[in-house]
């Protein structure tokens, strides 16, 4: 009687599914825990204006509006672009202090409606000290090539 040899059926294999699961979990962990710097992500081209910069006594509350009309209050992005979402974000960041200075930094290419919406939300919440961020106008002899 001949006994069958099953050694050929016992080929070892490496199961990659658990490895893929671990790598995916690590990837999700690193994406969630990574902090993003709003200044390095957003490239704003501020409008130009003549005049001297104001001397600020304390750190103002910042509202950034990028060229697409998206809002960033402090270091947090506002996910929706309506007045209610912006007001909620301002309440969370500013708390009850309505006397602080609010610095609106809008890209020069921002749709005007986005800026008006920001002013509307600030007015509805009772902020009265609102400043606009600009960059100095180029010198008359420098010429911008436009």
Protein backbone atom coordinates (compact mmCIF):
# COMPACT_ATOMS: atom_id res chain seq x y z
CA UNK A 1 0.00 0.00 0.00
CA UNK A 2 1.36 3.36 -1.00
CA UNK A 3 0.90 6.41 1.31
CA UNK A 4 0.31 9.70 -0.48
CA UNK A 5 2.94 12.38 -0.13
CA UNK A 6 1.26 15.70 0.84
CA UNK A 7 4.42 17.78 1.11
CA UNK A 8 3.70 19.57 -2.17
CA UNK A 9 0.34 20.77 -0.77
CA UNK A 10 2.04 22.39 2.21
CA UNK A 11 3.54 25.37 0.38
CA UNK A 12 4.00 28.20 2.88
CA UNK A 13 2.45 31.56 1.96
CA UNK A 14 2.51 34.99 3.51
CA UNK A 15 -0.89 36.47 4.24
CA UNK A 16 -0.72 40.23 3.53
CA UNK A 17 -4.21 41.17 4.74
CA UNK A 18 -3.18 41.80 8.40
CA UNK A 19 -0.19 43.84 7.21
CA UNK A 20 -2.43 45.97 4.99
CA UNK A 21 -4.83 46.49 7.91
CA UNK A 22 -2.03 47.69 10.18
CA UNK A 23 -0.62 50.04 7.54
CA UNK A 24 -4.08 51.48 6.87
CA UNK A 25 -4.67 52.07 10.60
CA UNK A 26 -1.29 53.80 10.90
CA UNK A 27 -2.05 55.97 7.88
CA UNK A 28 -5.42 57.03 9.30
CA UNK A 29 -3.79 57.75 12.69
CA UNK A 30 -1.12 59.99 11.18
CA UNK A 31 -3.59 61.86 8.97
CA UNK A 32 -5.92 62.55 11.90
CA UNK A 33 -3.19 63.62 14.32
CA UNK A 34 -1.26 65.84 11.91
CA UNK A 35 -1.66 69.53 12.61
CA UNK A 36 -1.95 71.90 9.72
CA UNK A 37 -0.61 75.43 9.73
CA UNK A 38 -3.16 77.75 8.15
CA UNK A 39 -0.51 80.24 7.09
CA UNK A 40 1.48 77.70 5.11
CA UNK A 41 -1.61 76.25 3.41
CA UNK A 42 -3.31 79.50 2.48
CA UNK A 43 -1.63 81.76 0.01
CA UNK A 44 -3.38 85.09 0.24
CA UNK A 45 -2.74 88.04 -1.99
CA UNK A 46 -3.85 90.93 0.20
CA UNK A 47 -5.26 94.09 -1.36
CA UNK A 48 -2.92 97.07 -1.55
CA UNK A 49 -3.43 100.33 0.33
CA UNK A 50 -1.48 103.39 1.36
CA UNK A 51 -1.27 104.41 4.99
CA UNK A 52 0.46 103.46 8.17
CA UNK A 53 -0.25 100.22 10.03
CA UNK A 54 -2.24 100.57 13.23
CA UNK A 55 -0.56 99.76 16.52
CA UNK A 56 -2.38 96.85 18.11
CA UNK A 57 -2.48 96.47 21.88
CA UNK A 58 -3.33 92.78 21.93
CA UNK A 59 -3.57 89.85 19.55
CA UNK A 60 -6.63 90.40 17.30
CA UNK A 61 -9.08 87.69 16.34
CA UNK A 62 -8.29 86.73 12.75
CA UNK A 63 -10.70 85.85 9.97
CA UNK A 64 -9.04 84.64 6.77
CA UNK A 65 -11.00 84.44 3.53
CA UNK A 66 -9.20 82.71 0.68
CA UNK A 67 -9.71 83.28 -3.04
CA UNK A 68 -12.40 80.59 -3.15
CA UNK A 69 -14.47 82.33 -0.44
CA UNK A 70 -13.71 79.79 2.32
CA UNK A 71 -13.42 81.05 5.91
CA UNK A 72 -10.81 80.37 8.57
CA UNK A 73 -11.47 81.74 12.08
CA UNK A 74 -8.37 81.69 14.25
CA UNK A 75 -6.71 78.39 13.34
CA UNK A 76 -9.96 76.61 12.46
CA UNK A 77 -11.58 76.19 9.07
CA UNK A 78 -15.30 76.91 8.80
CA UNK A 79 -16.71 74.05 6.76
CA UNK A 80 -19.78 75.84 5.41
CA UNK A 81 -19.82 79.32 3.89
CA UNK A 82 -23.14 80.58 5.24
CA UNK A 83 -23.61 83.28 7.91
CA UNK A 84 -24.80 80.85 10.61
CA UNK A 85 -21.75 78.61 10.33
CA UNK A 86 -19.44 81.63 10.46
CA UNK A 87 -21.27 83.04 13.49
CA UNK A 88 -20.99 79.70 15.28
CA UNK A 89 -17.24 79.54 14.62
CA UNK A 90 -16.80 83.13 15.83
CA UNK A 91 -18.74 82.34 19.03
CA UNK A 92 -16.56 79.30 19.71
CA UNK A 93 -13.27 81.13 19.14
CA UNK A 94 -14.08 84.55 20.63
CA UNK A 95 -16.35 83.48 23.47
CA UNK A 96 -18.27 86.39 25.02
CA UNK A 97 -15.63 89.05 24.34
CA UNK A 98 -17.10 91.39 21.72
CA UNK A 99 -14.71 94.26 22.45
CA UNK A 100 -11.65 92.64 20.87
CA UNK A 101 -10.31 93.72 17.50
CA UNK A 102 -11.18 91.48 14.55
CA UNK A 103 -8.70 91.45 11.66
CA UNK A 104 -10.27 90.44 8.35
CA UNK A 105 -7.64 89.11 5.93
CA UNK A 106 -9.28 88.52 2.56
CA UNK A 107 -7.48 87.57 -0.61
CA UNK A 108 -7.61 90.28 -3.29
CA UNK A 109 -9.38 87.79 -5.59
CA UNK A 110 -12.02 86.86 -2.99
CA UNK A 111 -15.63 87.23 -4.14
CA UNK A 112 -17.09 90.36 -2.57
CA UNK A 113 -20.07 88.37 -1.24
CA UNK A 114 -17.75 86.34 1.01
CA UNK A 115 -16.36 89.53 2.57
CA UNK A 116 -19.86 90.98 3.03
CA UNK A 117 -20.98 87.73 4.67
CA UNK A 118 -18.07 87.99 7.13
CA UNK A 119 -18.98 91.61 7.97
CA UNK A 120 -22.63 90.59 8.35
CA UNK A 121 -21.75 87.81 10.81
CA UNK A 122 -19.49 90.17 12.80
CA UNK A 123 -22.21 92.83 12.93
CA UNK A 124 -24.88 90.36 14.04
CA UNK A 125 -22.65 89.15 16.88
CA UNK A 126 -21.89 92.69 18.04
CA UNK A 127 -18.24 93.11 17.03
CA UNK A 128 -17.52 96.81 16.44
CA UNK A 129 -13.71 96.92 16.12
CA UNK A 130 -13.05 95.46 12.68
CA UNK A 131 -9.85 96.04 10.73
CA UNK A 132 -8.84 95.00 7.21
CA UNK A 133 -5.41 93.57 6.44
CA UNK A 134 -3.66 95.04 3.41
CA UNK A 135 -0.14 95.24 2.05
CA UNK A 136 1.60 98.51 1.18
CA UNK A 137 1.09 99.77 -2.35
CA UNK A 138 4.17 99.57 -4.55
CA UNK A 139 6.25 102.70 -4.92
CA UNK A 140 5.32 104.97 -7.84
CA UNK A 141 8.62 104.35 -9.62
CA UNK A 142 8.71 100.58 -9.07
CA UNK A 143 6.04 99.67 -11.66
CA UNK A 144 4.24 96.39 -11.36
CA UNK A 145 4.39 95.46 -15.05
CA UNK A 146 0.61 95.48 -15.44
